Amino acid sequence: MRYATVVITPRDGGLNPADAVLVESSTVERDLVHQVNLLNDGTIVMLYSLRGEIDRAVERLRDQDPVIAVDGSGEGEGLVYLHIEPDEISARLMGIIQDNEVVLQTPLECTRGGGIRVTIVGDDATIQRAIDEVPEGVRVSLEGIGDYHPEADKLYGALTARQREVLEAAVEQGYYEVPRRATHEDIAEKVGLSAGTIGEHLRKVEGRVLSSLVTR
């Protein structure tokens, strides 16, 4: 079993009209897409994690023509459920998953500029075919490909986007090497957070990883 991780970024706006509203918003930031499903009637349902003014984002989405239903919860950080009529690009992207024997690993990570980081699982030929079918108007950047190790990927995917960012910076800076080559302050400078916040994030990451290794 193989995997490929790609970032797909629309050249104009978001990956669908509702997503474009979130991308362009100055009061909310996309974090993760926990689920995205194509229904039998051709409509799409999505479950987002957002940071910012959740209620304001929900009200803005309600005014959009493609939105069939929307609901949200949380303050500062929260979830938004979306049921939408897809445009041509979003329908074709969902069709790629439906028409090819690949598995879409969730959650999907939202990136700056309206992109989504996606990991698909299958054999090499099927993965290549799926990538080749991405429609014009969407830029594809391949970030990684290799053998699929589901337990490690599942654990990594359980971290928040910020936790992954801090962990990756810590590894790159040499925080976990012996002897240690980086401090919380070094990592903080790299990602633009305080040293105290870095320590808190790393403790949560380490706690999650170690808990997964110990049978209770």
N, C-alpha and C. Protein backbone atom coordinates (compact mmCIF):
# COMPACT_ATOMS: atom_id res chain seq x y z
N MET A 1 0.85 -1.19 0.00
CA MET A 1 0.00 0.00 0.00
C MET A 1 0.89 1.24 0.00
N ARG A 2 0.50 2.22 -0.82
CA ARG A 2 1.30 3.43 -0.97
C ARG A 2 0.45 4.65 -0.65
N TYR A 3 1.14 5.77 -0.38
CA TYR A 3 0.43 7.02 -0.13
C TYR A 3 1.09 8.14 -0.92
N ALA A 4 0.34 9.19 -1.16
CA ALA A 4 0.90 10.42 -1.71
C ALA A 4 0.24 11.59 -0.98
N THR A 5 1.05 12.54 -0.56
CA THR A 5 0.54 13.76 0.07
C THR A 5 0.75 14.91 -0.90
N VAL A 6 -0.33 15.60 -1.22
CA VAL A 6 -0.27 16.72 -2.16
C VAL A 6 -1.00 17.91 -1.55
N VAL A 7 -0.59 19.10 -1.97
CA VAL A 7 -1.34 20.31 -1.66
C VAL A 7 -2.04 20.75 -2.93
N ILE A 8 -3.36 20.85 -2.88
CA ILE A 8 -4.11 21.33 -4.03
C ILE A 8 -4.61 22.74 -3.71
N THR A 9 -4.29 23.66 -4.60
CA THR A 9 -4.57 25.08 -4.36
C THR A 9 -5.28 25.65 -5.58
N PRO A 10 -6.47 26.21 -5.40
CA PRO A 10 -7.16 26.83 -6.53
C PRO A 10 -6.47 28.12 -6.94
N ARG A 11 -6.50 28.41 -8.23
CA ARG A 11 -5.89 29.65 -8.70
C ARG A 11 -6.77 30.86 -8.37
N ASP A 12 -8.06 30.62 -8.19
CA ASP A 12 -9.00 31.70 -7.87
C ASP A 12 -9.87 31.27 -6.70
N GLY A 13 -9.73 31.94 -5.56
CA GLY A 13 -10.62 31.67 -4.43
C GLY A 13 -10.38 30.34 -3.78
N GLY A 14 -11.44 29.73 -3.22
CA GLY A 14 -11.33 28.47 -2.53
C GLY A 14 -11.66 27.30 -3.43
N LEU A 15 -11.72 26.13 -2.83
CA LEU A 15 -11.99 24.91 -3.59
C LEU A 15 -13.47 24.75 -3.92
N ASN A 16 -14.30 25.58 -3.34
CA ASN A 16 -15.70 25.71 -3.72
C ASN A 16 -16.15 27.10 -3.27
N PRO A 17 -17.30 27.59 -3.70
CA PRO A 17 -17.69 28.97 -3.38
C PRO A 17 -17.77 29.25 -1.88
N ALA A 18 -18.26 28.29 -1.09
CA ALA A 18 -18.34 28.50 0.35
C ALA A 18 -16.94 28.53 0.96
N ASP A 19 -16.07 27.66 0.50
CA ASP A 19 -14.69 27.64 0.99
C ASP A 19 -14.00 28.97 0.68
N ALA A 20 -14.32 29.56 -0.47
CA ALA A 20 -13.73 30.85 -0.84
C ALA A 20 -14.11 31.94 0.15
N VAL A 21 -15.34 31.88 0.68
CA VAL A 21 -15.77 32.85 1.69
C VAL A 21 -14.88 32.76 2.92
N LEU A 22 -14.57 31.55 3.34
CA LEU A 22 -13.72 31.36 4.51
C LEU A 22 -12.28 31.79 4.23
N VAL A 23 -11.79 31.49 3.04
CA VAL A 23 -10.43 31.89 2.67
C VAL A 23 -10.28 33.40 2.68
N GLU A 24 -11.28 34.10 2.18
CA GLU A 24 -11.21 35.56 2.05
C GLU A 24 -11.54 36.29 3.34
N SER A 25 -12.07 35.59 4.34
CA SER A 25 -12.49 36.23 5.59
C SER A 25 -11.29 36.72 6.39
N SER A 26 -11.43 37.89 7.00
CA SER A 26 -10.38 38.43 7.87
C SER A 26 -10.66 38.11 9.34
N THR A 27 -11.77 37.45 9.63
CA THR A 27 -12.15 37.19 11.03
C THR A 27 -12.11 35.71 11.40
N VAL A 28 -11.83 34.85 10.44
CA VAL A 28 -11.78 33.42 10.72
C VAL A 28 -10.69 32.78 9.88
N GLU A 29 -10.12 31.70 10.40
CA GLU A 29 -9.06 30.97 9.69
C GLU A 29 -9.41 29.50 9.63
N ARG A 30 -9.31 28.92 8.45
CA ARG A 30 -9.54 27.48 8.29
C ARG A 30 -8.40 26.70 8.95
N ASP A 31 -8.74 25.59 9.59
CA ASP A 31 -7.73 24.75 10.22
C ASP A 31 -7.72 23.36 9.59
N LEU A 32 -8.81 22.59 9.78
CA LEU A 32 -8.90 21.24 9.26
C LEU A 32 -10.26 21.02 8.61
N VAL A 33 -10.30 20.07 7.69
CA VAL A 33 -11.57 19.53 7.20
C VAL A 33 -11.64 18.10 7.71
N HIS A 34 -12.52 17.86 8.68
CA HIS A 34 -12.58 16.54 9.31
C HIS A 34 -13.25 15.52 8.42
N GLN A 35 -14.27 15.95 7.69
CA GLN A 35 -14.98 15.05 6.79
C GLN A 35 -15.45 15.82 5.57
N VAL A 36 -15.46 15.15 4.42
CA VAL A 36 -16.06 15.70 3.21
C VAL A 36 -16.66 14.54 2.44
N ASN A 37 -17.96 14.63 2.16
CA ASN A 37 -18.67 13.53 1.53
C ASN A 37 -19.53 14.02 0.38
N LEU A 38 -19.52 13.25 -0.70
CA LEU A 38 -20.39 13.50 -1.84
C LEU A 38 -21.66 12.66 -1.66
N LEU A 39 -22.82 13.33 -1.59
CA LEU A 39 -24.08 12.62 -1.37
C LEU A 39 -24.66 12.13 -2.70
N ASN A 40 -25.65 11.26 -2.59
CA ASN A 40 -26.25 10.67 -3.80
C ASN A 40 -26.87 11.71 -4.71
N ASP A 41 -27.32 12.84 -4.16
CA ASP A 41 -27.94 13.87 -4.98
C ASP A 41 -26.93 14.84 -5.59
N GLY A 42 -25.62 14.55 -5.42
CA GLY A 42 -24.59 15.39 -6.00
C GLY A 42 -24.15 16.54 -5.13
N THR A 43 -24.79 16.74 -3.98
CA THR A 43 -24.36 17.79 -3.07
C THR A 43 -23.23 17.29 -2.18
N ILE A 44 -22.58 18.22 -1.49
CA ILE A 44 -21.41 17.90 -0.68
C ILE A 44 -21.64 18.37 0.75
N VAL A 45 -21.26 17.55 1.72
CA VAL A 45 -21.26 17.96 3.12
C VAL A 45 -19.82 17.97 3.62
N MET A 46 -19.50 18.98 4.45
CA MET A 46 -18.15 19.14 4.97
C MET A 46 -18.22 19.51 6.44
N LEU A 47 -17.22 19.09 7.21
CA LEU A 47 -17.11 19.49 8.61
C LEU A 47 -15.74 20.12 8.81
N TYR A 48 -15.75 21.43 9.07
CA TYR A 48 -14.52 22.20 9.24
C TYR A 48 -14.18 22.40 10.72
N SER A 49 -12.89 22.52 11.02
CA SER A 49 -12.42 23.17 12.24
C SER A 49 -11.95 24.56 11.84
N LEU A 50 -12.43 25.57 12.56
CA LEU A 50 -12.06 26.96 12.27
C LEU A 50 -11.52 27.61 13.53
N ARG A 51 -10.72 28.67 13.33
CA ARG A 51 -10.27 29.51 14.42
C ARG A 51 -10.72 30.94 14.13
N GLY A 52 -11.27 31.59 15.15
CA GLY A 52 -11.70 32.97 14.97
C GLY A 52 -13.15 33.16 15.38
N GLU A 53 -13.84 34.04 14.68
CA GLU A 53 -15.22 34.38 15.02
C GLU A 53 -16.18 33.43 14.29
N ILE A 54 -16.46 32.31 14.96
CA ILE A 54 -17.24 31.24 14.35
C ILE A 54 -18.65 31.72 13.98
N ASP A 55 -19.33 32.40 14.90
CA ASP A 55 -20.70 32.86 14.65
C ASP A 55 -20.76 33.78 13.44
N ARG A 56 -19.77 34.66 13.33
CA ARG A 56 -19.75 35.59 12.19
C ARG A 56 -19.55 34.84 10.88
N ALA A 57 -18.71 33.82 10.89
CA ALA A 57 -18.48 33.02 9.69
C ALA A 57 -19.76 32.30 9.27
N VAL A 58 -20.49 31.77 10.24
CA VAL A 58 -21.74 31.07 9.94
C VAL A 58 -22.75 32.02 9.30
N GLU A 59 -22.88 33.21 9.86
CA GLU A 59 -23.82 34.19 9.30
C GLU A 59 -23.43 34.57 7.88
N ARG A 60 -22.15 34.72 7.64
CA ARG A 60 -21.69 35.06 6.28
C ARG A 60 -21.99 33.94 5.30
N LEU A 61 -21.80 32.71 5.73
CA LEU A 61 -22.04 31.56 4.85
C LEU A 61 -23.52 31.40 4.53
N ARG A 62 -24.38 31.75 5.46
CA ARG A 62 -25.82 31.62 5.22
C ARG A 62 -26.29 32.47 4.04
N ASP A 63 -25.54 33.53 3.73
CA ASP A 63 -25.93 34.43 2.66
C ASP A 63 -25.47 33.97 1.28
N GLN A 64 -24.75 32.84 1.22
CA GLN A 64 -24.18 32.39 -0.05
C GLN A 64 -25.14 31.44 -0.77
N ASP A 65 -25.33 31.66 -2.06
CA ASP A 65 -26.26 30.85 -2.85
C ASP A 65 -25.96 29.35 -2.82
N PRO A 66 -24.69 28.92 -2.91
CA PRO A 66 -24.45 27.46 -2.95
C PRO A 66 -24.72 26.75 -1.63
N VAL A 67 -24.89 27.50 -0.53
CA VAL A 67 -25.04 26.89 0.79
C VAL A 67 -26.48 26.44 1.01
N ILE A 68 -26.65 25.14 1.23
CA ILE A 68 -27.97 24.57 1.53
C ILE A 68 -28.25 24.65 3.02
N ALA A 69 -27.24 24.33 3.83
CA ALA A 69 -27.38 24.39 5.29
C ALA A 69 -26.01 24.64 5.89
N VAL A 70 -26.01 25.34 7.03
CA VAL A 70 -24.77 25.61 7.74
C VAL A 70 -25.08 25.71 9.22
N ASP A 71 -24.16 25.22 10.04
CA ASP A 71 -24.29 25.33 11.48
C ASP A 71 -22.90 25.35 12.08
N GLY A 72 -22.75 25.99 13.23
CA GLY A 72 -21.44 26.08 13.85
C GLY A 72 -21.53 26.10 15.36
N SER A 73 -20.41 25.82 16.01
CA SER A 73 -20.34 25.86 17.47
C SER A 73 -18.92 26.20 17.88
N GLY A 74 -18.80 26.87 19.03
CA GLY A 74 -17.49 27.19 19.57
C GLY A 74 -17.21 28.67 19.53
N GLU A 75 -16.31 29.11 20.40
CA GLU A 75 -15.86 30.49 20.46
C GLU A 75 -14.34 30.50 20.39
N GLY A 76 -13.80 31.23 19.44
CA GLY A 76 -12.35 31.24 19.26
C GLY A 76 -11.87 30.07 18.43
N GLU A 77 -12.30 28.87 18.77
CA GLU A 77 -12.06 27.66 17.99
C GLU A 77 -13.36 26.88 17.97
N GLY A 78 -13.68 26.28 16.84
CA GLY A 78 -14.92 25.53 16.78
C GLY A 78 -15.10 24.78 15.48
N LEU A 79 -16.30 24.22 15.32
CA LEU A 79 -16.64 23.40 14.16
C LEU A 79 -17.74 24.08 13.36
N VAL A 80 -17.67 23.92 12.05
CA VAL A 80 -18.72 24.41 11.16
C VAL A 80 -19.11 23.28 10.22
N TYR A 81 -20.40 22.98 10.19
CA TYR A 81 -20.98 22.00 9.27
C TYR A 81 -21.52 22.74 8.05
N LEU A 82 -21.17 22.26 6.85
CA LEU A 82 -21.61 22.87 5.61
C LEU A 82 -22.24 21.84 4.69
N HIS A 83 -23.38 22.17 4.12
CA HIS A 83 -24.01 21.37 3.08
C HIS A 83 -24.17 22.29 1.88
N ILE A 84 -23.51 21.95 0.77
CA ILE A 84 -23.45 22.89 -0.35
C ILE A 84 -23.77 22.23 -1.68
N GLU A 85 -24.17 23.07 -2.61
CA GLU A 85 -24.22 22.70 -4.03
C GLU A 85 -22.83 22.94 -4.59
N PRO A 86 -22.17 21.92 -5.14
CA PRO A 86 -20.79 22.12 -5.62
C PRO A 86 -20.74 22.90 -6.92
N ASP A 87 -19.61 23.57 -7.13
CA ASP A 87 -19.35 24.13 -8.45
C ASP A 87 -18.63 23.06 -9.27
N GLU A 88 -18.22 23.40 -10.49
CA GLU A 88 -17.63 22.41 -11.39
C GLU A 88 -16.35 21.81 -10.82
N ILE A 89 -15.48 22.66 -10.27
CA ILE A 89 -14.19 22.18 -9.78
C ILE A 89 -14.37 21.26 -8.58
N SER A 90 -15.18 21.66 -7.61
CA SER A 90 -15.35 20.82 -6.42
C SER A 90 -16.03 19.51 -6.77
N ALA A 91 -16.96 19.53 -7.72
CA ALA A 91 -17.61 18.29 -8.15
C ALA A 91 -16.60 17.35 -8.81
N ARG A 92 -15.72 17.90 -9.63
CA ARG A 92 -14.72 17.06 -10.30
C ARG A 92 -13.70 16.51 -9.31
N LEU A 93 -13.31 17.30 -8.32
CA LEU A 93 -12.37 16.81 -7.31
C LEU A 93 -12.99 15.67 -6.51
N MET A 94 -14.25 15.80 -6.13
CA MET A 94 -14.91 14.71 -5.41
C MET A 94 -15.07 13.49 -6.31
N GLY A 95 -15.29 13.72 -7.60
CA GLY A 95 -15.42 12.62 -8.54
C GLY A 95 -14.15 11.79 -8.67
N ILE A 96 -13.01 12.43 -8.51
CA ILE A 96 -11.73 11.71 -8.58
C ILE A 96 -11.67 10.64 -7.51
N ILE A 97 -12.10 10.98 -6.30
CA ILE A 97 -12.09 10.01 -5.21
C ILE A 97 -13.12 8.91 -5.46
N GLN A 98 -14.27 9.28 -5.97
CA GLN A 98 -15.33 8.30 -6.23
C GLN A 98 -14.95 7.34 -7.35
N ASP A 99 -14.28 7.85 -8.39
CA ASP A 99 -14.04 7.06 -9.60
C ASP A 99 -12.76 6.23 -9.55
N ASN A 100 -11.88 6.52 -8.61
CA ASN A 100 -10.61 5.79 -8.51
C ASN A 100 -10.57 5.02 -7.20
N GLU A 101 -9.82 3.95 -7.20
CA GLU A 101 -9.74 3.11 -6.01
C GLU A 101 -8.67 3.64 -5.06
N VAL A 102 -8.93 4.86 -4.57
CA VAL A 102 -8.04 5.47 -3.58
C VAL A 102 -8.85 5.82 -2.35
N VAL A 103 -8.15 5.91 -1.23
CA VAL A 103 -8.76 6.29 0.04
C VAL A 103 -8.26 7.68 0.40
N LEU A 104 -9.18 8.56 0.78
CA LEU A 104 -8.84 9.90 1.21
C LEU A 104 -8.66 9.89 2.72
N GLN A 105 -7.46 10.21 3.17
CA GLN A 105 -7.18 10.20 4.60
C GLN A 105 -7.63 11.51 5.22
N THR A 106 -8.43 11.44 6.26
CA THR A 106 -8.88 12.63 6.97
C THR A 106 -8.27 12.65 8.37
N PRO A 107 -8.15 13.86 8.98
CA PRO A 107 -8.61 15.14 8.46
C PRO A 107 -7.69 15.69 7.38
N LEU A 108 -8.24 16.58 6.56
CA LEU A 108 -7.47 17.32 5.58
C LEU A 108 -6.98 18.60 6.23
N GLU A 109 -5.78 18.99 5.92
CA GLU A 109 -5.21 20.20 6.53
C GLU A 109 -5.35 21.39 5.59
N CYS A 110 -5.94 22.44 6.09
CA CYS A 110 -6.08 23.67 5.29
C CYS A 110 -4.77 24.44 5.31
N THR A 111 -4.39 24.98 4.18
CA THR A 111 -3.16 25.75 4.07
C THR A 111 -3.49 27.19 3.69
N ARG A 112 -2.52 28.06 3.85
CA ARG A 112 -2.72 29.45 3.49
C ARG A 112 -2.89 29.59 1.98
N GLY A 113 -3.65 30.59 1.60
CA GLY A 113 -3.87 30.80 0.17
C GLY A 113 -5.00 29.97 -0.39
N GLY A 114 -5.77 29.30 0.49
CA GLY A 114 -6.92 28.55 0.02
C GLY A 114 -6.67 27.12 -0.34
N GLY A 115 -5.49 26.58 -0.03
CA GLY A 115 -5.18 25.21 -0.40
C GLY A 115 -5.61 24.21 0.66
N ILE A 116 -5.53 22.94 0.28
CA ILE A 116 -5.82 21.82 1.18
C ILE A 116 -4.70 20.79 1.02
N ARG A 117 -4.14 20.35 2.15
CA ARG A 117 -3.13 19.28 2.11
C ARG A 117 -3.87 17.95 2.23
N VAL A 118 -3.70 17.09 1.22
CA VAL A 118 -4.47 15.86 1.09
C VAL A 118 -3.52 14.67 1.02
N THR A 119 -3.84 13.61 1.74
CA THR A 119 -3.11 12.35 1.60
C THR A 119 -4.07 11.31 1.05
N ILE A 120 -3.68 10.69 -0.07
CA ILE A 120 -4.48 9.63 -0.66
C ILE A 120 -3.69 8.32 -0.61
N VAL A 121 -4.42 7.22 -0.45
CA VAL A 121 -3.80 5.92 -0.27
C VAL A 121 -4.30 4.97 -1.35
N GLY A 122 -3.39 4.19 -1.93
CA GLY A 122 -3.74 3.22 -2.96
C GLY A 122 -2.47 2.63 -3.53
N ASP A 123 -2.54 2.09 -4.75
CA ASP A 123 -1.32 1.64 -5.41
C ASP A 123 -0.77 2.78 -6.26
N ASP A 124 0.48 2.63 -6.71
CA ASP A 124 1.15 3.72 -7.42
C ASP A 124 0.39 4.17 -8.66
N ALA A 125 -0.08 3.22 -9.45
CA ALA A 125 -0.75 3.57 -10.70
C ALA A 125 -2.04 4.34 -10.44
N THR A 126 -2.79 3.90 -9.44
CA THR A 126 -4.05 4.56 -9.14
C THR A 126 -3.83 5.96 -8.57
N ILE A 127 -2.83 6.10 -7.70
CA ILE A 127 -2.51 7.41 -7.15
C ILE A 127 -2.11 8.36 -8.27
N GLN A 128 -1.26 7.89 -9.19
CA GLN A 128 -0.83 8.76 -10.29
C GLN A 128 -2.02 9.16 -11.16
N ARG A 129 -2.91 8.23 -11.42
CA ARG A 129 -4.09 8.55 -12.23
C ARG A 129 -4.96 9.60 -11.54
N ALA A 130 -5.14 9.45 -10.23
CA ALA A 130 -5.95 10.41 -9.49
C ALA A 130 -5.34 11.81 -9.55
N ILE A 131 -4.03 11.89 -9.40
CA ILE A 131 -3.35 13.20 -9.45
C ILE A 131 -3.46 13.80 -10.84
N ASP A 132 -3.32 12.96 -11.87
CA ASP A 132 -3.40 13.44 -13.26
C ASP A 132 -4.79 13.99 -13.59
N GLU A 133 -5.82 13.52 -12.88
CA GLU A 133 -7.18 13.93 -13.19
C GLU A 133 -7.60 15.24 -12.50
N VAL A 134 -6.72 15.80 -11.68
CA VAL A 134 -7.05 17.09 -11.05
C VAL A 134 -7.29 18.12 -12.14
N PRO A 135 -8.43 18.82 -12.10
CA PRO A 135 -8.80 19.71 -13.22
C PRO A 135 -7.94 20.95 -13.33
N GLU A 136 -7.96 21.55 -14.50
CA GLU A 136 -7.32 22.85 -14.69
C GLU A 136 -7.98 23.86 -13.77
N GLY A 137 -7.19 24.82 -13.33
CA GLY A 137 -7.69 25.78 -12.37
C GLY A 137 -7.29 25.44 -10.95
N VAL A 138 -6.67 24.27 -10.77
CA VAL A 138 -6.18 23.84 -9.46
C VAL A 138 -4.71 23.47 -9.59
N ARG A 139 -3.88 24.08 -8.77
CA ARG A 139 -2.44 23.77 -8.76
C ARG A 139 -2.17 22.61 -7.81
N VAL A 140 -1.34 21.65 -8.24
CA VAL A 140 -1.02 20.48 -7.43
C VAL A 140 0.47 20.48 -7.12
N SER A 141 0.79 20.36 -5.83
CA SER A 141 2.19 20.29 -5.40
C SER A 141 2.38 19.00 -4.61
N LEU A 142 3.24 18.11 -5.11
CA LEU A 142 3.51 16.84 -4.45
C LEU A 142 4.49 17.06 -3.30
N GLU A 143 4.10 16.66 -2.09
CA GLU A 143 4.95 16.85 -0.91
C GLU A 143 5.62 15.55 -0.45
N GLY A 144 5.01 14.43 -0.74
CA GLY A 144 5.62 13.18 -0.29
C GLY A 144 4.91 11.98 -0.88
N ILE A 145 5.65 10.88 -1.06
CA ILE A 145 5.08 9.64 -1.55
C ILE A 145 5.90 8.49 -0.98
N GLY A 146 5.25 7.40 -0.64
CA GLY A 146 5.99 6.28 -0.08
C GLY A 146 5.07 5.19 0.42
N ASP A 147 5.63 4.27 1.20
CA ASP A 147 4.84 3.20 1.79
C ASP A 147 3.95 3.76 2.89
N TYR A 148 2.76 3.23 2.99
CA TYR A 148 1.76 3.73 3.93
C TYR A 148 1.85 2.98 5.25
N HIS A 149 2.01 3.71 6.35
CA HIS A 149 2.05 3.14 7.70
C HIS A 149 0.89 3.75 8.49
N PRO A 150 -0.25 3.08 8.50
CA PRO A 150 -1.47 3.70 9.01
C PRO A 150 -1.42 4.15 10.46
N GLU A 151 -0.76 3.39 11.34
CA GLU A 151 -0.77 3.78 12.76
C GLU A 151 -0.02 5.08 12.97
N ALA A 152 1.15 5.21 12.33
CA ALA A 152 1.92 6.44 12.48
C ALA A 152 1.17 7.62 11.86
N ASP A 153 0.57 7.39 10.70
CA ASP A 153 -0.16 8.46 10.04
C ASP A 153 -1.39 8.87 10.85
N LYS A 154 -2.06 7.89 11.46
CA LYS A 154 -3.24 8.18 12.26
C LYS A 154 -2.86 9.02 13.47
N LEU A 155 -1.76 8.69 14.11
CA LEU A 155 -1.31 9.43 15.28
C LEU A 155 -0.95 10.86 14.89
N TYR A 156 -0.21 11.02 13.79
CA TYR A 156 0.18 12.35 13.33
C TYR A 156 -1.06 13.17 12.97
N GLY A 157 -2.02 12.52 12.32
CA GLY A 157 -3.23 13.21 11.91
C GLY A 157 -4.09 13.64 13.07
N ALA A 158 -3.90 13.01 14.25
CA ALA A 158 -4.69 13.38 15.43
C ALA A 158 -4.21 14.67 16.07
N LEU A 159 -3.00 15.13 15.70
CA LEU A 159 -2.49 16.39 16.22
C LEU A 159 -3.17 17.56 15.51
N THR A 160 -3.28 18.68 16.19
CA THR A 160 -3.81 19.87 15.53
C THR A 160 -2.78 20.42 14.55
N ALA A 161 -3.22 21.30 13.66
CA ALA A 161 -2.30 21.89 12.69
C ALA A 161 -1.17 22.63 13.39
N ARG A 162 -1.50 23.35 14.47
CA ARG A 162 -0.47 24.09 15.21
C ARG A 162 0.50 23.14 15.89
N GLN A 163 -0.01 22.04 16.47
CA GLN A 163 0.88 21.07 17.10
C GLN A 163 1.83 20.44 16.09
N ARG A 164 1.32 20.15 14.89
CA ARG A 164 2.19 19.59 13.85
C ARG A 164 3.26 20.59 13.43
N GLU A 165 2.86 21.86 13.32
CA GLU A 165 3.82 22.90 12.94
C GLU A 165 4.94 23.00 13.98
N VAL A 166 4.57 22.99 15.26
CA VAL A 166 5.57 23.09 16.33
C VAL A 166 6.45 21.85 16.36
N LEU A 167 5.85 20.67 16.22
CA LEU A 167 6.62 19.43 16.23
C LEU A 167 7.61 19.39 15.08
N GLU A 168 7.17 19.75 13.88
CA GLU A 168 8.06 19.74 12.72
C GLU A 168 9.22 20.72 12.91
N ALA A 169 8.92 21.90 13.47
CA ALA A 169 9.98 22.87 13.72
C ALA A 169 10.96 22.34 14.77
N ALA A 170 10.44 21.68 15.80
CA ALA A 170 11.30 21.13 16.84
C ALA A 170 12.25 20.08 16.27
N VAL A 171 11.72 19.20 15.42
CA VAL A 171 12.57 18.16 14.81
C VAL A 171 13.61 18.80 13.90
N GLU A 172 13.18 19.77 13.07
CA GLU A 172 14.10 20.44 12.15
C GLU A 172 15.21 21.17 12.88
N GLN A 173 14.87 21.76 14.03
CA GLN A 173 15.85 22.55 14.79
C GLN A 173 16.77 21.68 15.64
N GLY A 174 16.47 20.38 15.76
CA GLY A 174 17.31 19.49 16.54
C GLY A 174 16.94 19.40 18.00
N TYR A 175 15.70 19.72 18.33
CA TYR A 175 15.28 19.71 19.74
C TYR A 175 15.34 18.31 20.33
N TYR A 176 15.07 17.29 19.51
CA TYR A 176 15.04 15.92 20.02
C TYR A 176 16.35 15.15 19.78
N GLU A 177 17.37 15.83 19.30
CA GLU A 177 18.66 15.17 19.12
C GLU A 177 19.42 15.11 20.45
N VAL A 178 20.41 14.22 20.53
CA VAL A 178 21.26 14.09 21.71
C VAL A 178 22.70 14.34 21.30
N PRO A 179 23.33 15.42 21.82
CA PRO A 179 22.76 16.41 22.74
C PRO A 179 21.76 17.33 22.02
N ARG A 180 20.86 17.92 22.77
CA ARG A 180 19.81 18.78 22.23
C ARG A 180 20.44 20.02 21.60
N ARG A 181 20.00 20.34 20.36
CA ARG A 181 20.59 21.47 19.63
C ARG A 181 19.68 22.69 19.55
N ALA A 182 18.52 22.64 20.19
CA ALA A 182 17.60 23.76 20.13
C ALA A 182 16.83 23.89 21.44
N THR A 183 16.39 25.09 21.74
CA THR A 183 15.61 25.37 22.94
C THR A 183 14.19 25.77 22.53
N HIS A 184 13.33 25.93 23.53
CA HIS A 184 11.98 26.42 23.25
C HIS A 184 12.04 27.80 22.59
N GLU A 185 13.01 28.59 23.00
CA GLU A 185 13.15 29.93 22.41
C GLU A 185 13.51 29.86 20.92
N ASP A 186 14.36 28.92 20.56
CA ASP A 186 14.73 28.75 19.14
C ASP A 186 13.51 28.37 18.30
N ILE A 187 12.72 27.44 18.82
CA ILE A 187 11.53 27.01 18.09
C ILE A 187 10.51 28.14 18.02
N ALA A 188 10.38 28.89 19.13
CA ALA A 188 9.44 30.01 19.17
C ALA A 188 9.77 31.04 18.10
N GLU A 189 11.04 31.32 17.93
CA GLU A 189 11.45 32.28 16.90
C GLU A 189 11.12 31.76 15.50
N LYS A 190 11.21 30.46 15.31
CA LYS A 190 10.95 29.86 14.01
C LYS A 190 9.48 29.95 13.63
N VAL A 191 8.57 29.72 14.57
CA VAL A 191 7.14 29.65 14.25
C VAL A 191 6.34 30.86 14.70
N GLY A 192 6.99 31.81 15.39
CA GLY A 192 6.30 33.04 15.76
C GLY A 192 5.39 32.91 16.96
N LEU A 193 5.75 32.06 17.92
CA LEU A 193 5.00 31.91 19.17
C LEU A 193 5.91 32.19 20.35
N SER A 194 5.34 32.28 21.55
CA SER A 194 6.17 32.46 22.74
C SER A 194 6.79 31.13 23.15
N ALA A 195 7.91 31.21 23.90
CA ALA A 195 8.57 30.00 24.36
C ALA A 195 7.65 29.18 25.26
N GLY A 196 6.85 29.86 26.09
CA GLY A 196 5.92 29.16 26.96
C GLY A 196 4.88 28.38 26.18
N THR A 197 4.38 28.98 25.09
CA THR A 197 3.39 28.30 24.25
C THR A 197 4.02 27.10 23.55
N ILE A 198 5.27 27.24 23.13
CA ILE A 198 5.98 26.11 22.52
C ILE A 198 6.07 24.94 23.50
N GLY A 199 6.44 25.23 24.74
CA GLY A 199 6.54 24.19 25.75
C GLY A 199 5.21 23.49 25.98
N GLU A 200 4.13 24.26 25.99
CA GLU A 200 2.80 23.69 26.19
C GLU A 200 2.42 22.77 25.03
N HIS A 201 2.67 23.23 23.80
CA HIS A 201 2.35 22.40 22.63
C HIS A 201 3.15 21.10 22.63
N LEU A 202 4.45 21.19 22.93
CA LEU A 202 5.29 19.99 22.90
C LEU A 202 4.88 19.01 23.99
N ARG A 203 4.48 19.51 25.16
CA ARG A 203 4.02 18.61 26.22
C ARG A 203 2.77 17.86 25.78
N LYS A 204 1.85 18.55 25.10
CA LYS A 204 0.63 17.90 24.62
C LYS A 204 0.95 16.85 23.55
N VAL A 205 1.87 17.20 22.64
CA VAL A 205 2.28 16.25 21.60
C VAL A 205 2.92 15.02 22.22
N GLU A 206 3.86 15.25 23.13
CA GLU A 206 4.57 14.13 23.76
C GLU A 206 3.61 13.27 24.58
N GLY A 207 2.65 13.91 25.26
CA GLY A 207 1.67 13.16 26.03
C GLY A 207 0.81 12.28 25.15
N ARG A 208 0.41 12.81 23.98
CA ARG A 208 -0.42 12.02 23.07
C ARG A 208 0.37 10.84 22.51
N VAL A 209 1.62 11.10 22.11
CA VAL A 209 2.45 10.04 21.53
C VAL A 209 2.74 8.96 22.56
N LEU A 210 3.16 9.34 23.76
CA LEU A 210 3.51 8.36 24.78
C LEU A 210 2.30 7.57 25.25
N SER A 211 1.15 8.25 25.33
CA SER A 211 -0.08 7.54 25.72
C SER A 211 -0.44 6.46 24.73
N SER A 212 -0.17 6.73 23.45
CA SER A 212 -0.51 5.74 22.41
C SER A 212 0.39 4.52 22.46
N LEU A 213 1.56 4.65 23.09
CA LEU A 213 2.52 3.56 23.15
C LEU A 213 2.34 2.67 24.37
N VAL A 214 1.58 3.17 25.34
CA VAL A 214 1.43 2.43 26.60
C VAL A 214 0.04 1.79 26.63
N THR A 215 -0.01 0.50 26.86
CA THR A 215 -1.28 -0.21 26.98
C THR A 215 -1.80 -0.03 28.39
N ARG A 216 -3.01 0.52 28.50
CA ARG A 216 -3.59 0.77 29.82
C ARG A 216 -4.45 -0.39 30.26
